[in-house]
Amino acid sequence: MSGTLPINSFNKVTIKNNTPTATSVSISGRRQSKQLAAQYWTIDCDYPPLDRSEMAQIMAFLNKQKNSLSSFQVVLPQYSRSNGTVKYLIGGMTDATLSVRSAATITATTVYVNFDTLRPSHFVSAGTTATGALKAGDFIKFTNHDKVYQLTDDVTVDSSGNATLNIFPGLFTALTTTENVWYWDTPFTVFNTENTQEYQLTVGDQASVTLKLHEAL
């Protein structure tokens, strides 16, 4: 992996859930399905018109990755922040580390966690609530591997700061209690699917750039 995409002020971001599956239907109408490969995210990112210097930064960064050869990280403003009441404010009441509370095995879809310094009283102090701290559809990531997961249910914090995360897909890598959880500015580890990246510079030095990214597992 080589760095973080330098500009992420996207005009439009389309994210796709890919779960390769084979389905057959018998004469009787009975359906059988089997997942063929691991789940992954693909992301299309459209930039607003960029000036020449901004385009040059993106071009230089992708050239450094040799387009599709190397992976890198990108934070998606449209998706990487929680819709819940927890806001990761540096130095604020809700500035809390979310840590894994119990070990979890590969394929597990439930992870038990703890907001190390965050209790319901802190939510009240920060003008938020312990209910809906994180929301279904939020993206999270664990510190010991690159896979990004999506919460399938809202998350409520109890009086001890404990919470349960129900995730999709199941864990790709086992977790121990030494791991933490990204829930704010969650980075996606990706590679550029294009072997040839196109840049268009129009009259007035306005550039048009679109990225097609694939989660790197």
N, C-alpha and C. Protein backbone atom coordinates (compact mmCIF):
# COMPACT_ATOMS: atom_id res chain seq x y z
N MET A 1 0.84 -1.19 0.00
CA MET A 1 0.00 0.00 0.00
C MET A 1 0.88 1.24 0.00
N SER A 2 0.44 2.27 -0.70
CA SER A 2 1.28 3.45 -0.82
C SER A 2 0.47 4.72 -0.66
N GLY A 3 0.25 5.14 0.58
CA GLY A 3 -0.30 6.46 0.83
C GLY A 3 -1.81 6.57 0.74
N THR A 4 -2.28 7.81 0.86
CA THR A 4 -3.70 8.15 0.82
C THR A 4 -3.95 9.12 -0.32
N LEU A 5 -5.01 8.90 -1.07
CA LEU A 5 -5.36 9.77 -2.18
C LEU A 5 -5.38 11.22 -1.70
N PRO A 6 -4.63 12.13 -2.35
CA PRO A 6 -4.43 13.48 -1.81
C PRO A 6 -5.66 14.39 -1.85
N ILE A 7 -6.60 14.16 -2.77
CA ILE A 7 -7.78 15.01 -2.87
C ILE A 7 -9.01 14.09 -2.92
N ASN A 8 -9.94 14.31 -2.00
CA ASN A 8 -11.13 13.46 -1.96
C ASN A 8 -12.43 14.27 -1.95
N SER A 9 -12.39 15.44 -2.51
CA SER A 9 -13.58 16.29 -2.58
C SER A 9 -14.42 15.90 -3.80
N PHE A 10 -15.03 14.73 -3.72
CA PHE A 10 -15.75 14.18 -4.86
C PHE A 10 -17.12 14.84 -5.03
N ASN A 11 -17.50 15.02 -6.26
CA ASN A 11 -18.83 15.54 -6.58
C ASN A 11 -19.88 14.44 -6.46
N LYS A 12 -19.49 13.21 -6.78
CA LYS A 12 -20.40 12.07 -6.73
C LYS A 12 -19.61 10.81 -6.43
N VAL A 13 -20.14 9.98 -5.52
CA VAL A 13 -19.51 8.71 -5.19
C VAL A 13 -20.57 7.61 -5.28
N THR A 14 -20.30 6.60 -6.07
CA THR A 14 -21.19 5.44 -6.18
C THR A 14 -20.46 4.23 -5.62
N ILE A 15 -21.06 3.60 -4.62
CA ILE A 15 -20.44 2.42 -4.01
C ILE A 15 -21.32 1.20 -4.29
N LYS A 16 -20.69 0.10 -4.65
CA LYS A 16 -21.44 -1.12 -5.01
C LYS A 16 -21.00 -2.28 -4.12
N ASN A 17 -21.96 -3.03 -3.66
CA ASN A 17 -21.71 -4.25 -2.90
C ASN A 17 -21.66 -5.42 -3.88
N ASN A 18 -20.52 -6.10 -3.93
CA ASN A 18 -20.34 -7.23 -4.84
C ASN A 18 -20.22 -8.51 -4.03
N THR A 19 -21.20 -9.39 -4.19
CA THR A 19 -21.18 -10.70 -3.52
C THR A 19 -21.40 -11.75 -4.60
N PRO A 20 -20.33 -12.22 -5.26
CA PRO A 20 -20.49 -13.16 -6.38
C PRO A 20 -21.25 -14.42 -5.95
N THR A 21 -22.37 -14.68 -6.62
CA THR A 21 -23.26 -15.77 -6.24
C THR A 21 -23.76 -16.48 -7.50
N ALA A 22 -23.84 -17.82 -7.42
CA ALA A 22 -24.44 -18.61 -8.49
C ALA A 22 -25.82 -19.08 -8.02
N THR A 23 -26.83 -18.93 -8.88
CA THR A 23 -28.20 -19.32 -8.54
C THR A 23 -28.76 -20.21 -9.63
N SER A 24 -29.39 -21.30 -9.21
CA SER A 24 -30.08 -22.18 -10.15
C SER A 24 -31.51 -22.41 -9.67
N VAL A 25 -32.41 -22.57 -10.63
CA VAL A 25 -33.82 -22.81 -10.32
C VAL A 25 -34.23 -24.11 -10.99
N SER A 26 -34.74 -25.06 -10.19
CA SER A 26 -35.15 -26.36 -10.71
C SER A 26 -36.49 -26.27 -11.43
N ILE A 27 -36.88 -27.37 -12.07
CA ILE A 27 -38.16 -27.40 -12.77
C ILE A 27 -39.31 -27.13 -11.82
N SER A 28 -39.17 -27.59 -10.57
CA SER A 28 -40.22 -27.39 -9.58
C SER A 28 -40.28 -25.95 -9.06
N GLY A 29 -39.29 -25.16 -9.44
CA GLY A 29 -39.26 -23.78 -9.00
C GLY A 29 -38.40 -23.54 -7.77
N ARG A 30 -37.79 -24.61 -7.25
CA ARG A 30 -36.94 -24.46 -6.07
C ARG A 30 -35.63 -23.77 -6.46
N ARG A 31 -35.28 -22.77 -5.69
CA ARG A 31 -34.06 -22.01 -5.96
C ARG A 31 -32.92 -22.45 -5.05
N GLN A 32 -31.74 -22.61 -5.62
CA GLN A 32 -30.53 -22.90 -4.86
C GLN A 32 -29.48 -21.87 -5.19
N SER A 33 -28.86 -21.33 -4.16
CA SER A 33 -27.83 -20.30 -4.36
C SER A 33 -26.58 -20.66 -3.59
N LYS A 34 -25.43 -20.28 -4.14
CA LYS A 34 -24.15 -20.54 -3.49
C LYS A 34 -23.23 -19.35 -3.74
N GLN A 35 -22.65 -18.83 -2.67
CA GLN A 35 -21.70 -17.74 -2.83
C GLN A 35 -20.40 -18.29 -3.37
N LEU A 36 -19.89 -17.68 -4.43
CA LEU A 36 -18.72 -18.20 -5.14
C LEU A 36 -17.41 -17.56 -4.69
N ALA A 37 -17.47 -16.34 -4.21
CA ALA A 37 -16.24 -15.63 -3.84
C ALA A 37 -16.54 -14.64 -2.74
N ALA A 38 -15.48 -14.11 -2.16
CA ALA A 38 -15.63 -13.17 -1.05
C ALA A 38 -16.27 -11.87 -1.51
N GLN A 39 -17.00 -11.24 -0.60
CA GLN A 39 -17.62 -9.95 -0.87
C GLN A 39 -16.56 -8.86 -0.97
N TYR A 40 -16.81 -7.87 -1.83
CA TYR A 40 -15.92 -6.71 -1.93
C TYR A 40 -16.73 -5.52 -2.40
N TRP A 41 -16.18 -4.31 -2.13
CA TRP A 41 -16.81 -3.06 -2.56
C TRP A 41 -16.12 -2.53 -3.81
N THR A 42 -16.90 -1.98 -4.74
CA THR A 42 -16.33 -1.20 -5.84
C THR A 42 -16.89 0.21 -5.75
N ILE A 43 -16.08 1.18 -6.12
CA ILE A 43 -16.41 2.59 -5.88
C ILE A 43 -16.08 3.40 -7.14
N ASP A 44 -17.06 4.16 -7.62
CA ASP A 44 -16.84 5.12 -8.71
C ASP A 44 -16.84 6.52 -8.11
N CYS A 45 -15.79 7.27 -8.37
CA CYS A 45 -15.63 8.62 -7.80
C CYS A 45 -15.52 9.65 -8.92
N ASP A 46 -16.45 10.58 -8.94
CA ASP A 46 -16.42 11.67 -9.93
C ASP A 46 -16.01 12.95 -9.23
N TYR A 47 -14.94 13.55 -9.71
CA TYR A 47 -14.51 14.85 -9.18
C TYR A 47 -15.30 15.98 -9.81
N PRO A 48 -15.53 17.06 -9.08
CA PRO A 48 -16.01 18.29 -9.72
C PRO A 48 -14.89 18.83 -10.59
N PRO A 49 -15.14 19.83 -11.42
CA PRO A 49 -14.06 20.40 -12.22
C PRO A 49 -12.87 20.81 -11.35
N LEU A 50 -11.69 20.33 -11.71
CA LEU A 50 -10.47 20.61 -10.96
C LEU A 50 -9.59 21.58 -11.75
N ASP A 51 -8.79 22.34 -11.02
CA ASP A 51 -7.82 23.16 -11.74
C ASP A 51 -6.61 22.30 -12.08
N ARG A 52 -5.72 22.87 -12.85
CA ARG A 52 -4.60 22.08 -13.38
C ARG A 52 -3.70 21.55 -12.27
N SER A 53 -3.46 22.33 -11.22
CA SER A 53 -2.58 21.88 -10.15
C SER A 53 -3.20 20.73 -9.35
N GLU A 54 -4.54 20.77 -9.16
CA GLU A 54 -5.22 19.68 -8.46
C GLU A 54 -5.17 18.40 -9.29
N MET A 55 -5.41 18.53 -10.58
CA MET A 55 -5.33 17.37 -11.47
C MET A 55 -3.93 16.76 -11.43
N ALA A 56 -2.91 17.63 -11.40
CA ALA A 56 -1.52 17.15 -11.39
C ALA A 56 -1.23 16.33 -10.14
N GLN A 57 -1.79 16.74 -8.98
CA GLN A 57 -1.59 15.98 -7.74
C GLN A 57 -2.17 14.57 -7.86
N ILE A 58 -3.38 14.48 -8.42
CA ILE A 58 -4.02 13.18 -8.58
C ILE A 58 -3.25 12.33 -9.59
N MET A 59 -2.85 12.93 -10.69
CA MET A 59 -2.10 12.21 -11.71
C MET A 59 -0.79 11.66 -11.15
N ALA A 60 -0.07 12.51 -10.41
CA ALA A 60 1.21 12.07 -9.85
C ALA A 60 1.01 10.94 -8.85
N PHE A 61 -0.05 11.04 -8.03
CA PHE A 61 -0.30 10.00 -7.03
C PHE A 61 -0.63 8.66 -7.70
N LEU A 62 -1.51 8.68 -8.71
CA LEU A 62 -1.88 7.43 -9.38
C LEU A 62 -0.72 6.87 -10.18
N ASN A 63 0.10 7.74 -10.75
CA ASN A 63 1.30 7.25 -11.44
C ASN A 63 2.24 6.56 -10.46
N LYS A 64 2.30 7.08 -9.25
CA LYS A 64 3.12 6.44 -8.22
C LYS A 64 2.62 5.03 -7.92
N GLN A 65 1.29 4.84 -8.01
CA GLN A 65 0.72 3.50 -7.78
C GLN A 65 0.84 2.61 -9.02
N LYS A 66 1.35 3.20 -10.12
CA LYS A 66 1.40 2.50 -11.41
C LYS A 66 -0.01 2.07 -11.82
N ASN A 67 -0.93 3.00 -11.64
CA ASN A 67 -2.35 2.81 -11.92
C ASN A 67 -2.92 1.64 -11.11
N SER A 68 -3.09 0.47 -11.68
CA SER A 68 -3.77 -0.62 -10.97
C SER A 68 -2.82 -1.55 -10.22
N LEU A 69 -1.52 -1.27 -10.23
CA LEU A 69 -0.57 -2.21 -9.63
C LEU A 69 -0.61 -2.18 -8.10
N SER A 70 -0.60 -1.00 -7.50
CA SER A 70 -0.50 -0.90 -6.05
C SER A 70 -1.82 -0.41 -5.45
N SER A 71 -2.02 -0.73 -4.18
CA SER A 71 -3.21 -0.27 -3.47
C SER A 71 -2.90 0.98 -2.66
N PHE A 72 -3.96 1.70 -2.29
CA PHE A 72 -3.81 2.92 -1.50
C PHE A 72 -5.09 3.12 -0.70
N GLN A 73 -5.12 4.15 0.12
CA GLN A 73 -6.30 4.42 0.93
C GLN A 73 -7.04 5.66 0.44
N VAL A 74 -8.37 5.62 0.61
CA VAL A 74 -9.19 6.77 0.29
C VAL A 74 -10.28 6.89 1.34
N VAL A 75 -10.51 8.12 1.80
CA VAL A 75 -11.61 8.42 2.72
C VAL A 75 -12.72 9.07 1.89
N LEU A 76 -13.91 8.50 1.96
CA LEU A 76 -15.03 8.97 1.15
C LEU A 76 -15.93 9.86 2.00
N PRO A 77 -15.93 11.17 1.77
CA PRO A 77 -16.75 12.06 2.60
C PRO A 77 -18.22 11.65 2.63
N GLN A 78 -18.71 11.09 1.54
CA GLN A 78 -20.12 10.72 1.46
C GLN A 78 -20.45 9.45 2.25
N TYR A 79 -19.44 8.65 2.60
CA TYR A 79 -19.70 7.36 3.23
C TYR A 79 -18.88 7.09 4.49
N SER A 80 -17.75 7.73 4.67
CA SER A 80 -16.78 7.32 5.68
C SER A 80 -17.08 7.83 7.08
N ARG A 81 -18.14 8.63 7.24
CA ARG A 81 -18.51 9.13 8.57
C ARG A 81 -19.86 8.59 8.99
N SER A 82 -19.97 8.29 10.28
CA SER A 82 -21.19 7.71 10.82
C SER A 82 -22.38 8.66 10.74
N ASN A 83 -23.57 8.08 10.57
CA ASN A 83 -24.81 8.84 10.64
C ASN A 83 -25.37 8.86 12.06
N GLY A 84 -24.68 8.20 13.01
CA GLY A 84 -25.15 8.13 14.38
C GLY A 84 -24.85 9.37 15.19
N THR A 85 -25.13 9.27 16.48
CA THR A 85 -24.96 10.43 17.36
C THR A 85 -23.52 10.61 17.83
N VAL A 86 -22.69 9.56 17.69
CA VAL A 86 -21.29 9.69 18.07
C VAL A 86 -20.55 10.49 17.01
N LYS A 87 -19.89 11.53 17.41
CA LYS A 87 -19.07 12.33 16.52
C LYS A 87 -17.66 12.36 17.09
N TYR A 88 -16.69 11.99 16.27
CA TYR A 88 -15.32 11.91 16.77
C TYR A 88 -14.71 13.30 16.77
N LEU A 89 -14.83 13.98 17.89
CA LEU A 89 -14.33 15.35 18.03
C LEU A 89 -13.03 15.34 18.81
N ILE A 90 -11.96 15.76 18.19
CA ILE A 90 -10.67 15.77 18.87
C ILE A 90 -10.75 16.71 20.08
N GLY A 91 -10.53 16.14 21.26
CA GLY A 91 -10.57 16.93 22.48
C GLY A 91 -11.96 17.17 23.01
N GLY A 92 -12.99 16.65 22.33
CA GLY A 92 -14.36 16.86 22.77
C GLY A 92 -14.86 15.71 23.62
N MET A 93 -16.07 15.84 24.14
CA MET A 93 -16.63 14.83 25.02
C MET A 93 -16.81 13.49 24.32
N THR A 94 -16.99 13.51 23.02
CA THR A 94 -17.20 12.26 22.29
C THR A 94 -15.93 11.77 21.60
N ASP A 95 -14.80 12.29 22.02
CA ASP A 95 -13.51 11.81 21.50
C ASP A 95 -13.19 10.52 22.23
N ALA A 96 -13.56 9.37 21.65
CA ALA A 96 -13.42 8.09 22.34
C ALA A 96 -12.91 7.01 21.40
N THR A 97 -12.04 6.16 21.91
CA THR A 97 -11.55 5.02 21.16
C THR A 97 -12.56 3.88 21.27
N LEU A 98 -12.92 3.31 20.14
CA LEU A 98 -13.81 2.15 20.12
C LEU A 98 -12.94 0.90 19.99
N SER A 99 -12.94 0.06 21.01
CA SER A 99 -12.06 -1.11 21.03
C SER A 99 -12.85 -2.40 21.08
N VAL A 100 -12.25 -3.47 20.56
CA VAL A 100 -12.87 -4.79 20.58
C VAL A 100 -12.84 -5.32 22.01
N ARG A 101 -14.00 -5.74 22.53
CA ARG A 101 -14.12 -6.17 23.92
C ARG A 101 -13.95 -7.68 24.07
N SER A 102 -14.33 -8.46 23.05
CA SER A 102 -14.22 -9.92 23.10
C SER A 102 -13.66 -10.42 21.77
N ALA A 103 -12.82 -11.44 21.81
CA ALA A 103 -12.26 -12.00 20.59
C ALA A 103 -13.38 -12.52 19.69
N ALA A 104 -13.16 -12.44 18.38
CA ALA A 104 -14.15 -12.91 17.41
C ALA A 104 -13.44 -13.67 16.31
N THR A 105 -14.06 -14.74 15.83
CA THR A 105 -13.45 -15.61 14.84
C THR A 105 -13.82 -15.18 13.42
N ILE A 106 -13.09 -15.70 12.45
CA ILE A 106 -13.39 -15.47 11.04
C ILE A 106 -14.83 -15.90 10.76
N THR A 107 -15.53 -15.15 9.93
CA THR A 107 -16.92 -15.31 9.51
C THR A 107 -17.93 -14.80 10.54
N ALA A 108 -17.49 -14.41 11.74
CA ALA A 108 -18.43 -13.89 12.74
C ALA A 108 -19.09 -12.62 12.23
N THR A 109 -20.37 -12.45 12.52
CA THR A 109 -21.10 -11.26 12.10
C THR A 109 -21.50 -10.39 13.29
N THR A 110 -21.07 -10.78 14.49
CA THR A 110 -21.33 -10.00 15.70
C THR A 110 -20.01 -9.75 16.41
N VAL A 111 -19.75 -8.49 16.74
CA VAL A 111 -18.51 -8.11 17.43
C VAL A 111 -18.89 -7.26 18.64
N TYR A 112 -18.33 -7.62 19.80
CA TYR A 112 -18.61 -6.89 21.04
C TYR A 112 -17.49 -5.88 21.28
N VAL A 113 -17.88 -4.63 21.51
CA VAL A 113 -16.92 -3.53 21.59
C VAL A 113 -17.20 -2.66 22.81
N ASN A 114 -16.28 -1.72 23.05
CA ASN A 114 -16.43 -0.80 24.18
C ASN A 114 -15.89 0.57 23.79
N PHE A 115 -16.68 1.60 24.05
CA PHE A 115 -16.19 2.97 23.91
C PHE A 115 -15.40 3.28 25.18
N ASP A 116 -14.09 3.30 25.09
CA ASP A 116 -13.22 3.30 26.26
C ASP A 116 -13.53 4.39 27.27
N THR A 117 -13.86 5.59 26.80
CA THR A 117 -14.12 6.69 27.74
C THR A 117 -15.53 7.23 27.62
N LEU A 118 -16.35 6.57 26.81
CA LEU A 118 -17.66 7.13 26.49
C LEU A 118 -18.76 6.40 27.24
N ARG A 119 -19.52 7.13 28.04
CA ARG A 119 -20.65 6.59 28.78
C ARG A 119 -21.89 7.40 28.41
N PRO A 120 -23.08 6.89 28.71
CA PRO A 120 -24.27 7.67 28.40
C PRO A 120 -24.24 9.09 28.95
N SER A 121 -23.63 9.28 30.12
CA SER A 121 -23.54 10.63 30.68
C SER A 121 -22.74 11.55 29.78
N HIS A 122 -21.72 11.01 29.11
CA HIS A 122 -20.93 11.80 28.18
C HIS A 122 -21.74 12.17 26.95
N PHE A 123 -22.61 11.24 26.51
CA PHE A 123 -23.49 11.56 25.39
C PHE A 123 -24.34 12.77 25.74
N VAL A 124 -24.91 12.74 26.94
CA VAL A 124 -25.76 13.85 27.37
C VAL A 124 -24.97 15.14 27.40
N SER A 125 -23.75 15.08 27.92
CA SER A 125 -22.91 16.27 28.00
C SER A 125 -22.60 16.83 26.62
N ALA A 126 -22.51 15.93 25.65
CA ALA A 126 -22.18 16.37 24.29
C ALA A 126 -23.42 16.68 23.47
N GLY A 127 -24.60 16.57 24.10
CA GLY A 127 -25.83 16.89 23.39
C GLY A 127 -26.29 15.79 22.46
N THR A 128 -25.84 14.54 22.70
CA THR A 128 -26.25 13.42 21.88
C THR A 128 -26.91 12.38 22.79
N THR A 129 -27.22 11.21 22.24
CA THR A 129 -27.85 10.16 23.03
C THR A 129 -27.11 8.85 22.83
N ALA A 130 -27.28 7.93 23.80
CA ALA A 130 -26.63 6.63 23.71
C ALA A 130 -27.34 5.71 22.73
N THR A 131 -28.59 6.03 22.40
CA THR A 131 -29.35 5.25 21.43
C THR A 131 -29.02 5.74 20.02
N GLY A 132 -28.72 4.80 19.12
CA GLY A 132 -28.35 5.21 17.77
C GLY A 132 -26.98 5.85 17.71
N ALA A 133 -26.07 5.41 18.61
CA ALA A 133 -24.70 5.95 18.63
C ALA A 133 -24.04 5.77 17.26
N LEU A 134 -24.20 4.60 16.68
CA LEU A 134 -23.83 4.32 15.30
C LEU A 134 -25.08 3.79 14.62
N LYS A 135 -25.15 3.93 13.32
CA LYS A 135 -26.39 3.60 12.62
C LYS A 135 -26.18 2.50 11.59
N ALA A 136 -27.25 1.73 11.37
CA ALA A 136 -27.25 0.74 10.30
C ALA A 136 -26.87 1.43 8.99
N GLY A 137 -25.95 0.81 8.26
CA GLY A 137 -25.46 1.41 7.02
C GLY A 137 -24.13 2.10 7.17
N ASP A 138 -23.71 2.41 8.42
CA ASP A 138 -22.39 3.01 8.64
C ASP A 138 -21.29 2.01 8.26
N PHE A 139 -20.17 2.55 7.77
CA PHE A 139 -19.01 1.72 7.44
C PHE A 139 -17.98 1.79 8.56
N ILE A 140 -17.43 0.63 8.92
CA ILE A 140 -16.40 0.55 9.95
C ILE A 140 -15.25 -0.31 9.46
N LYS A 141 -14.15 -0.26 10.20
CA LYS A 141 -12.96 -1.03 9.83
C LYS A 141 -12.19 -1.35 11.10
N PHE A 142 -11.58 -2.53 11.15
CA PHE A 142 -10.78 -2.94 12.30
C PHE A 142 -9.30 -2.73 12.00
N THR A 143 -8.53 -2.43 13.04
CA THR A 143 -7.16 -2.00 12.82
C THR A 143 -6.21 -3.10 12.38
N ASN A 144 -6.61 -4.38 12.47
CA ASN A 144 -5.67 -5.44 12.10
C ASN A 144 -5.85 -5.96 10.69
N HIS A 145 -6.81 -5.39 9.92
CA HIS A 145 -6.90 -5.79 8.52
C HIS A 145 -7.60 -4.71 7.70
N ASP A 146 -7.58 -4.87 6.37
CA ASP A 146 -7.99 -3.80 5.47
C ASP A 146 -9.47 -3.82 5.10
N LYS A 147 -10.17 -4.90 5.36
CA LYS A 147 -11.57 -5.02 4.93
C LYS A 147 -12.45 -3.97 5.61
N VAL A 148 -13.36 -3.39 4.83
CA VAL A 148 -14.36 -2.47 5.37
C VAL A 148 -15.69 -3.21 5.49
N TYR A 149 -16.35 -3.03 6.64
CA TYR A 149 -17.63 -3.68 6.92
C TYR A 149 -18.73 -2.64 7.05
N GLN A 150 -19.97 -3.10 6.91
CA GLN A 150 -21.12 -2.22 7.08
C GLN A 150 -21.98 -2.72 8.24
N LEU A 151 -22.41 -1.79 9.08
CA LEU A 151 -23.30 -2.16 10.18
C LEU A 151 -24.68 -2.49 9.63
N THR A 152 -25.26 -3.58 10.15
CA THR A 152 -26.59 -3.99 9.70
C THR A 152 -27.69 -3.58 10.67
N ASP A 153 -27.30 -3.08 11.85
CA ASP A 153 -28.28 -2.63 12.84
C ASP A 153 -27.75 -1.39 13.56
N ASP A 154 -28.67 -0.57 14.07
CA ASP A 154 -28.27 0.56 14.90
C ASP A 154 -27.54 0.05 16.15
N VAL A 155 -26.66 0.88 16.69
CA VAL A 155 -25.83 0.51 17.85
C VAL A 155 -26.17 1.41 19.03
N THR A 156 -26.46 0.78 20.17
CA THR A 156 -26.75 1.49 21.41
C THR A 156 -25.66 1.19 22.42
N VAL A 157 -25.22 2.20 23.16
CA VAL A 157 -24.17 2.04 24.17
C VAL A 157 -24.82 1.90 25.54
N ASP A 158 -24.37 0.90 26.34
CA ASP A 158 -24.96 0.72 27.67
C ASP A 158 -24.23 1.58 28.70
N SER A 159 -24.61 1.42 29.97
CA SER A 159 -24.08 2.28 31.03
C SER A 159 -22.59 2.09 31.28
N SER A 160 -22.01 1.00 30.77
CA SER A 160 -20.57 0.75 30.92
C SER A 160 -19.78 1.12 29.68
N GLY A 161 -20.46 1.64 28.68
CA GLY A 161 -19.79 1.98 27.43
C GLY A 161 -19.70 0.82 26.47
N ASN A 162 -20.37 -0.31 26.79
CA ASN A 162 -20.33 -1.49 25.92
C ASN A 162 -21.37 -1.39 24.81
N ALA A 163 -21.05 -2.02 23.68
CA ALA A 163 -21.97 -2.02 22.54
C ALA A 163 -21.74 -3.27 21.71
N THR A 164 -22.73 -3.59 20.89
CA THR A 164 -22.65 -4.76 19.99
C THR A 164 -22.73 -4.28 18.55
N LEU A 165 -21.79 -4.73 17.73
CA LEU A 165 -21.80 -4.41 16.30
C LEU A 165 -22.24 -5.63 15.51
N ASN A 166 -23.31 -5.49 14.76
CA ASN A 166 -23.72 -6.52 13.79
C ASN A 166 -23.25 -6.05 12.42
N ILE A 167 -22.46 -6.88 11.74
CA ILE A 167 -21.75 -6.42 10.55
C ILE A 167 -22.02 -7.29 9.33
N PHE A 168 -21.81 -6.70 8.18
CA PHE A 168 -21.80 -7.39 6.90
C PHE A 168 -20.56 -6.95 6.13
N PRO A 169 -19.85 -7.89 5.51
CA PRO A 169 -20.01 -9.35 5.59
C PRO A 169 -19.41 -9.88 6.89
N GLY A 170 -19.33 -11.23 7.03
CA GLY A 170 -18.66 -11.80 8.19
C GLY A 170 -17.18 -11.49 8.17
N LEU A 171 -16.56 -11.56 9.33
CA LEU A 171 -15.14 -11.18 9.46
C LEU A 171 -14.24 -11.95 8.51
N PHE A 172 -13.35 -11.23 7.86
CA PHE A 172 -12.33 -11.83 7.00
C PHE A 172 -11.11 -12.27 7.81
N THR A 173 -10.91 -11.62 8.95
CA THR A 173 -9.76 -11.89 9.82
C THR A 173 -10.25 -11.91 11.26
N ALA A 174 -9.72 -12.85 12.06
CA ALA A 174 -10.11 -12.96 13.46
C ALA A 174 -9.69 -11.70 14.23
N LEU A 175 -10.44 -11.39 15.28
CA LEU A 175 -10.15 -10.22 16.10
C LEU A 175 -9.76 -10.63 17.51
N THR A 176 -8.85 -9.85 18.10
CA THR A 176 -8.50 -9.99 19.51
C THR A 176 -8.84 -8.69 20.22
N THR A 177 -8.70 -8.70 21.52
CA THR A 177 -9.04 -7.51 22.31
C THR A 177 -7.99 -6.42 22.20
N THR A 178 -6.96 -6.64 21.39
CA THR A 178 -5.95 -5.59 21.17
C THR A 178 -6.34 -4.68 20.00
N GLU A 179 -7.43 -4.99 19.31
CA GLU A 179 -7.80 -4.24 18.11
C GLU A 179 -8.76 -3.09 18.44
N ASN A 180 -8.66 -2.04 17.64
CA ASN A 180 -9.59 -0.92 17.72
C ASN A 180 -10.45 -0.87 16.46
N VAL A 181 -11.45 0.01 16.47
CA VAL A 181 -12.39 0.11 15.36
C VAL A 181 -12.41 1.54 14.84
N TRP A 182 -12.25 1.70 13.51
CA TRP A 182 -12.50 2.99 12.88
C TRP A 182 -14.00 3.14 12.70
N TYR A 183 -14.57 4.22 13.18
CA TYR A 183 -15.98 4.51 12.94
C TYR A 183 -16.17 5.93 12.43
N TRP A 184 -15.07 6.66 12.26
CA TRP A 184 -15.12 8.05 11.79
C TRP A 184 -13.98 8.25 10.81
N ASP A 185 -14.27 8.81 9.64
CA ASP A 185 -13.28 8.89 8.56
C ASP A 185 -12.70 7.52 8.24
N THR A 186 -13.57 6.53 8.15
CA THR A 186 -13.14 5.15 7.88
C THR A 186 -12.45 5.07 6.52
N PRO A 187 -11.19 4.62 6.47
CA PRO A 187 -10.48 4.56 5.19
C PRO A 187 -10.76 3.26 4.43
N PHE A 188 -11.00 3.36 3.15
CA PHE A 188 -11.11 2.19 2.28
C PHE A 188 -9.74 1.94 1.65
N THR A 189 -9.29 0.70 1.66
CA THR A 189 -8.07 0.32 0.96
C THR A 189 -8.46 -0.21 -0.41
N VAL A 190 -7.96 0.43 -1.46
CA VAL A 190 -8.46 0.19 -2.81
C VAL A 190 -7.30 0.14 -3.81
N PHE A 191 -7.63 -0.29 -5.02
CA PHE A 191 -6.72 -0.11 -6.15
C PHE A 191 -7.53 0.42 -7.32
N ASN A 192 -6.85 1.12 -8.20
CA ASN A 192 -7.47 1.69 -9.40
C ASN A 192 -7.67 0.57 -10.42
N THR A 193 -8.89 0.36 -10.88
CA THR A 193 -9.14 -0.74 -11.81
C THR A 193 -8.68 -0.43 -13.23
N GLU A 194 -8.39 0.84 -13.50
CA GLU A 194 -8.01 1.24 -14.85
C GLU A 194 -6.50 1.11 -15.06
N ASN A 195 -6.12 0.33 -16.05
CA ASN A 195 -4.70 0.27 -16.41
C ASN A 195 -4.26 1.54 -17.12
N THR A 196 -5.22 2.20 -17.75
CA THR A 196 -4.96 3.49 -18.41
C THR A 196 -5.91 4.51 -17.80
N GLN A 197 -5.39 5.48 -17.08
CA GLN A 197 -6.22 6.50 -16.43
C GLN A 197 -6.29 7.73 -17.32
N GLU A 198 -7.51 8.18 -17.59
CA GLU A 198 -7.71 9.31 -18.50
C GLU A 198 -7.88 10.61 -17.73
N TYR A 199 -7.29 11.67 -18.28
CA TYR A 199 -7.43 13.01 -17.73
C TYR A 199 -7.83 13.94 -18.87
N GLN A 200 -8.80 14.80 -18.62
CA GLN A 200 -9.26 15.73 -19.65
C GLN A 200 -9.08 17.15 -19.13
N LEU A 201 -8.30 17.94 -19.85
CA LEU A 201 -8.05 19.33 -19.48
C LEU A 201 -8.67 20.21 -20.56
N THR A 202 -9.68 21.01 -20.17
CA THR A 202 -10.41 21.82 -21.14
C THR A 202 -9.86 23.24 -21.18
N VAL A 203 -10.44 24.05 -22.07
CA VAL A 203 -10.08 25.46 -22.13
C VAL A 203 -10.37 26.09 -20.77
N GLY A 204 -9.43 26.89 -20.27
CA GLY A 204 -9.56 27.47 -18.94
C GLY A 204 -8.91 26.62 -17.87
N ASP A 205 -8.16 25.58 -18.30
CA ASP A 205 -7.43 24.70 -17.38
C ASP A 205 -8.35 24.05 -16.35
N GLN A 206 -9.53 23.61 -16.81
CA GLN A 206 -10.44 22.86 -15.96
C GLN A 206 -10.33 21.38 -16.33
N ALA A 207 -10.13 20.54 -15.31
CA ALA A 207 -9.88 19.12 -15.55
C ALA A 207 -11.08 18.30 -15.12
N SER A 208 -11.32 17.21 -15.84
CA SER A 208 -12.35 16.24 -15.50
C SER A 208 -11.69 14.91 -15.22
N VAL A 209 -11.93 14.34 -14.02
CA VAL A 209 -11.30 13.08 -13.63
C VAL A 209 -12.35 12.19 -12.97
N THR A 210 -12.40 10.94 -13.39
CA THR A 210 -13.25 9.93 -12.78
C THR A 210 -12.38 8.74 -12.40
N LEU A 211 -12.56 8.22 -11.17
CA LEU A 211 -11.81 7.07 -10.71
C LEU A 211 -12.74 5.88 -10.54
N LYS A 212 -12.27 4.73 -10.95
CA LYS A 212 -12.99 3.47 -10.72
C LYS A 212 -12.11 2.60 -9.83
N LEU A 213 -12.58 2.39 -8.60
CA LEU A 213 -11.77 1.77 -7.56
C LEU A 213 -12.37 0.44 -7.12
N HIS A 214 -11.50 -0.45 -6.70
CA HIS A 214 -11.89 -1.81 -6.28
C HIS A 214 -11.25 -2.05 -4.91
N GLU A 215 -12.03 -2.53 -3.96
CA GLU A 215 -11.48 -2.81 -2.64
C GLU A 215 -10.34 -3.82 -2.73
N ALA A 216 -9.25 -3.54 -2.05
CA ALA A 216 -8.09 -4.43 -2.02
C ALA A 216 -8.13 -5.24 -0.74
N LEU A 217 -8.22 -6.56 -0.86
CA LEU A 217 -8.37 -7.43 0.30
C LEU A 217 -7.07 -8.17 0.60
